[in-house]
Protein backbone atom coordinates (compact mmCIF):
# COMPACT_ATOMS: atom_id res chain seq x y z
CA MET A 1 0.00 0.00 0.00
CA ASN A 2 1.56 3.28 -1.08
CA ASP A 3 1.49 6.59 0.71
CA ALA A 4 -1.21 8.11 -1.49
CA SER A 5 -3.75 5.35 -0.88
CA LEU A 6 -2.96 5.31 2.84
CA THR A 7 -3.41 9.08 3.03
CA HIS A 8 -6.71 8.76 1.18
CA LEU A 9 -7.97 6.09 3.60
CA VAL A 10 -6.96 8.14 6.64
CA THR A 11 -8.65 11.24 5.21
CA GLU A 12 -11.83 9.26 4.61
CA LEU A 13 -11.61 7.87 8.16
CA LEU A 14 -11.40 11.38 9.61
CA TRP A 15 -14.44 12.45 7.57
CA LEU A 16 -16.25 9.33 8.74
CA VAL A 17 -15.52 10.16 12.37
CA LEU A 18 -16.80 13.69 11.80
CA MET A 19 -19.97 12.54 10.05
CA THR A 20 -20.81 9.88 12.63
CA SER A 21 -20.22 12.10 15.66
CA LEU A 22 -21.83 15.26 14.29
CA PRO A 23 -25.51 14.30 14.84
CA VAL A 24 -24.90 13.29 18.45
CA VAL A 25 -22.86 16.40 19.24
CA VAL A 26 -25.45 18.70 17.66
CA VAL A 27 -28.32 17.07 19.55
CA ALA A 28 -26.43 17.23 22.86
CA SER A 29 -25.56 20.89 22.29
CA VAL A 30 -29.07 21.94 21.30
CA VAL A 31 -30.69 20.03 24.17
CA GLY A 32 -28.13 21.44 26.62
CA ILE A 33 -28.86 25.00 25.51
CA LEU A 34 -32.62 24.50 25.68
CA VAL A 35 -32.49 22.90 29.14
CA SER A 36 -30.17 25.64 30.39
CA LEU A 37 -32.56 28.27 29.08
CA PHE A 38 -35.49 26.51 30.75
CA GLN A 39 -33.56 26.28 34.02
CA ALA A 40 -32.66 29.97 33.86
CA LEU A 41 -36.26 30.96 33.23
CA THR A 42 -37.74 28.80 35.99
CA GLN A 43 -34.91 29.18 38.57
CA ILE A 44 -34.45 25.39 38.73
CA GLN A 45 -30.78 24.70 39.41
CA ASP A 46 -30.73 20.92 39.52
CA GLN A 47 -27.74 19.63 37.49
CA THR A 48 -29.04 16.08 37.29
CA LEU A 49 -32.03 17.31 35.26
CA GLN A 50 -29.76 18.64 32.53
CA PHE A 51 -27.58 15.54 32.53
CA MET A 52 -30.52 13.13 32.37
CA ILE A 53 -32.30 14.97 29.56
CA LYS A 54 -29.10 15.17 27.50
CA LEU A 55 -28.39 11.50 28.13
CA LEU A 56 -31.87 10.52 26.95
CA ALA A 57 -31.62 12.78 23.88
CA VAL A 58 -28.26 11.33 22.87
CA ALA A 59 -29.50 7.76 23.41
CA LEU A 60 -32.57 8.48 21.31
CA MET A 61 -30.42 10.02 18.57
CA LEU A 62 -28.18 6.94 18.53
CA MET A 63 -31.23 4.68 18.28
CA VAL A 64 -32.62 6.73 15.38
CA THR A 65 -29.35 6.85 13.42
CA TYR A 66 -27.84 3.43 14.19
CA HIS A 67 -28.76 2.01 10.78
CA TRP A 68 -27.14 4.91 8.92
CA LEU A 69 -24.06 4.91 11.18
CA GLY A 70 -23.66 1.15 10.80
CA ALA A 71 -23.91 1.39 7.02
CA LEU A 72 -21.20 4.07 6.94
CA LEU A 73 -18.87 2.06 9.14
CA LEU A 74 -19.50 -1.16 7.25
CA GLY A 75 -18.88 0.54 3.90
CA TYR A 76 -15.60 1.98 5.10
CA THR A 77 -14.51 -1.36 6.53
CA ARG A 78 -15.26 -3.11 3.25
CA GLN A 79 -13.30 -0.45 1.36
CA VAL A 80 -10.26 -0.87 3.63
CA LEU A 81 -10.36 -4.67 3.45
CA LEU A 82 -10.63 -4.53 -0.35
CA GLN A 83 -7.63 -2.17 -0.49
CA ILE A 84 -5.67 -4.56 1.72
CA GLY A 85 -6.60 -7.45 -0.57
CA VAL A 86 -5.63 -5.53 -3.70
CA HIS A 87 -2.28 -4.28 -2.38
CA GLY A 88 -1.39 -7.43 -0.49
CA GLY A 89 -1.28 -6.10 3.06
C-alpha cells in the first residue's frame, strides 16, 4: 500500500468520524442550551435534570441513526479490506 492510498484512507476515516459524531454532538448541544434556558427561566438549578435529559436525547439520537451509522462504518470497513486485498497487506 503506497502513501497516497494510505493518506486517502486516513482522510476518509477522519471524515467518517466527523460525520458519525456530528448528529450526536449537535443534539447534545441543542438540548443542553434548551435545558439551560429553561432552568434559567424557571430558577431550577438541579444539574441532574440537565444531565438526564441530555443522556436521553443522545441515546434516542443513537437509536434513530444506528442504521445509517452502521452502514457508513460497514462501507468503510469493506473499502479498507478490499484495499488490503488488492495491495497485499
